Amino acid sequence: QYIQTDCNYGDRAALLKLDDLLSHPIPSKDLLVVTTTEIDTIGEQLSSNAQTLMEVILSKIAKAVHQLKKAGYQKAIIVADHGFVWGQDFQIGNAVSKPVGEWIVQKSWFVAGKGSGDSHLIELKPADIELKAEVTHFQFLKNYAGFKSGTTYVHEGLSAQENIVPYLEIM
């Protein structure tokens, strides 16, 4: 959201949505930022054809890179705003019970509020992660598990898959 509202691009840079890049002439700029939220949207809807739809988006990204190269751009960097886990349903045993407490926020991989912890969780106070929040603490799952089974797409919590974001640089 910051990049869409708080940046002044000036004459040497531009911000475009992926679909606009594919359907309009490509501007000649020193920096072109292209965004899409389609993969996130598809994952969050948890439809049975999510993989097929994600492959369509990846094809659109590949087509955009090809068009950018034809337009004279020499480098493309593809990056997400966060990581995620996407795969087959979590198996039995990969789900753990939510801890007992008064949780203001309840997500698939963490809860925030006031309550007890257990050996499956890492407890952090807002100050531990330099966050201002009106909760006593956060409880994050330690392992590759969730508070509910049957989830195919998860992008929340304090996990390597959420916080280590790979990027692809194409020259």
Protein backbone atom coordinates (compact mmCIF):
# COMPACT_ATOMS: atom_id res chain seq x y z
CA GLN A 1 0.00 0.00 0.00
CA TYR A 2 2.90 2.37 0.73
CA ILE A 3 4.20 2.09 -2.79
CA GLN A 4 0.78 2.97 -4.22
CA THR A 5 -0.03 5.98 -2.07
CA ASP A 6 3.07 7.50 -0.50
CA CYS A 7 5.64 7.47 -3.31
CA ASN A 8 6.28 10.33 -5.67
CA TYR A 9 7.51 8.68 -8.85
CA GLY A 10 8.37 11.83 -10.79
CA ASP A 11 9.21 11.67 -14.49
CA ARG A 12 11.71 8.79 -14.33
CA ALA A 13 9.49 6.11 -12.78
CA ALA A 14 5.95 4.76 -13.04
CA LEU A 15 3.60 2.37 -11.23
CA LEU A 16 1.37 0.05 -13.28
CA LYS A 17 -0.91 -2.88 -12.57
CA LEU A 18 0.04 -6.11 -14.38
CA ASP A 19 -3.13 -6.14 -16.50
CA ASP A 20 -2.54 -2.52 -17.55
CA LEU A 21 1.01 -3.36 -18.60
CA LEU A 22 -0.29 -6.19 -20.77
CA SER A 23 -3.06 -4.15 -22.39
CA HIS A 24 -1.50 -0.69 -22.88
CA PRO A 25 1.67 0.72 -24.44
CA ILE A 26 4.66 0.32 -22.10
CA PRO A 27 6.04 3.66 -20.88
CA SER A 28 9.74 4.35 -21.25
CA LYS A 29 11.00 4.97 -17.71
CA ASP A 30 14.17 4.32 -15.72
CA LEU A 31 12.08 2.38 -13.17
CA LEU A 32 8.78 0.67 -13.81
CA VAL A 33 7.00 -0.91 -10.82
CA VAL A 34 4.37 -3.47 -11.84
CA THR A 35 1.99 -4.84 -9.22
CA THR A 36 -0.62 -7.57 -8.94
CA THR A 37 -2.51 -9.06 -6.00
CA GLU A 38 -4.09 -11.88 -7.97
CA ILE A 39 -2.11 -14.77 -6.49
CA ASP A 40 -2.97 -13.63 -2.95
CA THR A 41 -6.64 -13.23 -3.86
CA ILE A 42 -6.80 -16.67 -5.48
CA GLY A 43 -5.05 -18.32 -2.53
CA GLU A 44 -7.33 -16.71 0.03
CA GLN A 45 -10.45 -17.91 -1.79
CA LEU A 46 -9.21 -21.51 -1.47
CA SER A 47 -10.99 -22.65 -4.61
CA SER A 48 -10.42 -26.12 -6.02
CA ASN A 49 -8.88 -24.65 -9.19
CA ALA A 50 -6.42 -22.35 -7.37
CA GLN A 51 -3.35 -24.04 -8.85
CA THR A 52 -4.64 -23.61 -12.40
CA LEU A 53 -5.49 -19.97 -11.78
CA MET A 54 -2.07 -19.30 -10.22
CA GLU A 55 -0.43 -20.84 -13.27
CA VAL A 56 -2.39 -18.39 -15.45
CA ILE A 57 -1.05 -15.48 -13.36
CA LEU A 58 2.50 -16.81 -13.64
CA SER A 59 2.03 -16.99 -17.43
CA LYS A 60 0.90 -13.36 -17.41
CA ILE A 61 4.03 -12.41 -15.46
CA ALA A 62 6.22 -14.26 -17.98
CA LYS A 63 4.45 -12.50 -20.85
CA ALA A 64 4.96 -9.12 -19.13
CA VAL A 65 8.71 -9.81 -18.72
CA HIS A 66 8.93 -10.69 -22.43
CA GLN A 67 7.08 -7.50 -23.39
CA LEU A 68 9.34 -5.42 -21.14
CA LYS A 69 12.41 -6.91 -22.79
CA LYS A 70 11.00 -6.07 -26.23
CA ALA A 71 10.36 -2.51 -24.99
CA GLY A 72 14.05 -2.12 -24.06
CA TYR A 73 14.07 -2.90 -20.35
CA GLN A 74 17.20 -4.84 -19.43
CA LYS A 75 16.39 -6.18 -15.98
CA ALA A 76 13.28 -7.45 -14.21
CA ILE A 77 13.06 -8.30 -10.53
CA ILE A 78 10.06 -10.36 -9.45
CA VAL A 79 9.32 -10.22 -5.73
CA ALA A 80 6.37 -10.70 -3.39
CA ASP A 81 5.41 -8.59 -0.40
CA HIS A 82 5.53 -11.71 1.80
CA GLY A 83 5.97 -15.43 1.55
CA PHE A 84 3.29 -18.06 1.84
CA VAL A 85 2.70 -21.77 2.14
CA TRP A 86 0.62 -23.41 -0.52
CA GLY A 87 0.19 -27.12 -1.02
CA GLN A 88 -1.95 -30.10 -0.32
CA ASP A 89 -4.18 -30.10 2.74
CA PHE A 90 -2.39 -30.26 6.03
CA GLN A 91 -2.39 -33.84 7.22
CA ILE A 92 -3.89 -35.04 10.49
CA GLY A 93 -1.37 -34.17 13.17
CA ASN A 94 -0.37 -30.90 11.54
CA ALA A 95 -3.17 -29.07 13.33
CA VAL A 96 -2.88 -28.09 16.98
CA SER A 97 -5.51 -26.67 19.31
CA LYS A 98 -5.59 -22.93 19.87
CA PRO A 99 -4.35 -22.00 23.32
CA VAL A 100 -6.87 -21.06 25.97
CA GLY A 101 -7.35 -17.33 26.25
CA GLU A 102 -9.06 -14.15 25.15
CA TRP A 103 -7.70 -13.72 21.61
CA ILE A 104 -8.50 -10.45 19.87
CA VAL A 105 -6.84 -11.74 16.68
CA GLN A 106 -7.16 -15.39 15.65
CA LYS A 107 -5.34 -16.51 12.51
CA SER A 108 -4.34 -19.91 11.14
CA TRP A 109 -0.79 -19.70 12.56
CA PHE A 110 -0.98 -17.19 15.40
CA VAL A 111 -3.22 -15.56 17.99
CA ALA A 112 -2.94 -12.22 19.76
CA GLY A 113 -4.50 -11.12 23.01
CA LYS A 114 -4.23 -12.61 26.47
CA GLY A 115 -3.95 -16.28 27.34
CA SER A 116 -1.80 -19.28 28.08
CA GLY A 117 0.87 -20.87 25.94
CA ASP A 118 2.21 -24.36 25.48
CA SER A 119 5.17 -26.22 23.96
CA HIS A 120 3.87 -25.71 20.38
CA LEU A 121 4.04 -21.93 20.66
CA ILE A 122 6.47 -19.03 20.82
CA GLU A 123 5.18 -16.24 23.03
CA LEU A 124 6.21 -12.67 22.21
CA LYS A 125 5.15 -9.39 23.73
CA PRO A 126 4.45 -6.48 21.35
CA ALA A 127 7.65 -4.77 22.57
CA ASP A 128 9.67 -7.90 21.64
CA ILE A 129 8.85 -7.28 17.98
CA GLU A 130 8.80 -3.48 18.24
CA LEU A 131 5.07 -3.26 17.64
CA LYS A 132 2.52 -1.05 19.32
CA ALA A 133 -0.51 -3.22 20.01
CA GLU A 134 -3.25 -3.40 22.59
CA VAL A 135 -2.61 -7.05 23.36
CA THR A 136 -0.66 -8.71 26.15
CA HIS A 137 1.19 -11.05 23.80
CA PHE A 138 1.25 -12.98 20.55
CA GLN A 139 1.40 -16.77 20.33
CA PHE A 140 3.06 -18.06 17.14
CA LEU A 141 3.22 -21.74 16.18
CA LYS A 142 6.76 -23.12 16.24
CA ASN A 143 6.42 -25.85 13.65
CA TYR A 144 4.85 -26.39 10.26
CA ALA A 145 1.35 -26.68 11.65
CA GLY A 146 -1.84 -24.68 11.86
CA PHE A 147 -4.72 -24.13 14.23
CA LYS A 148 -7.02 -25.79 11.70
CA SER A 149 -6.55 -28.62 9.25
CA GLY A 150 -7.60 -28.57 5.62
CA THR A 151 -5.83 -25.31 4.78
CA THR A 152 -4.04 -25.12 1.44
CA TYR A 153 -2.82 -21.50 1.46
CA VAL A 154 -1.45 -19.71 4.50
CA HIS A 155 0.34 -16.36 4.57
CA GLU A 156 0.42 -15.12 8.11
CA GLY A 157 2.41 -15.54 11.26
CA LEU A 158 6.00 -15.66 12.33
CA SER A 159 7.37 -18.40 10.09
CA ALA A 160 10.25 -18.83 7.67
CA GLN A 161 7.82 -19.36 4.81
CA GLU A 162 6.12 -16.03 5.62
CA ASN A 163 9.14 -13.91 6.41
CA ILE A 164 11.89 -15.13 4.08
CA VAL A 165 10.82 -13.73 0.73
CA PRO A 166 12.78 -14.95 -2.28
CA TYR A 167 13.09 -12.89 -5.41
CA LEU A 168 13.92 -13.64 -9.01
CA GLU A 169 16.16 -11.33 -11.02
CA ILE A 170 15.99 -11.71 -14.78
CA MET A 171 18.59 -10.03 -16.99
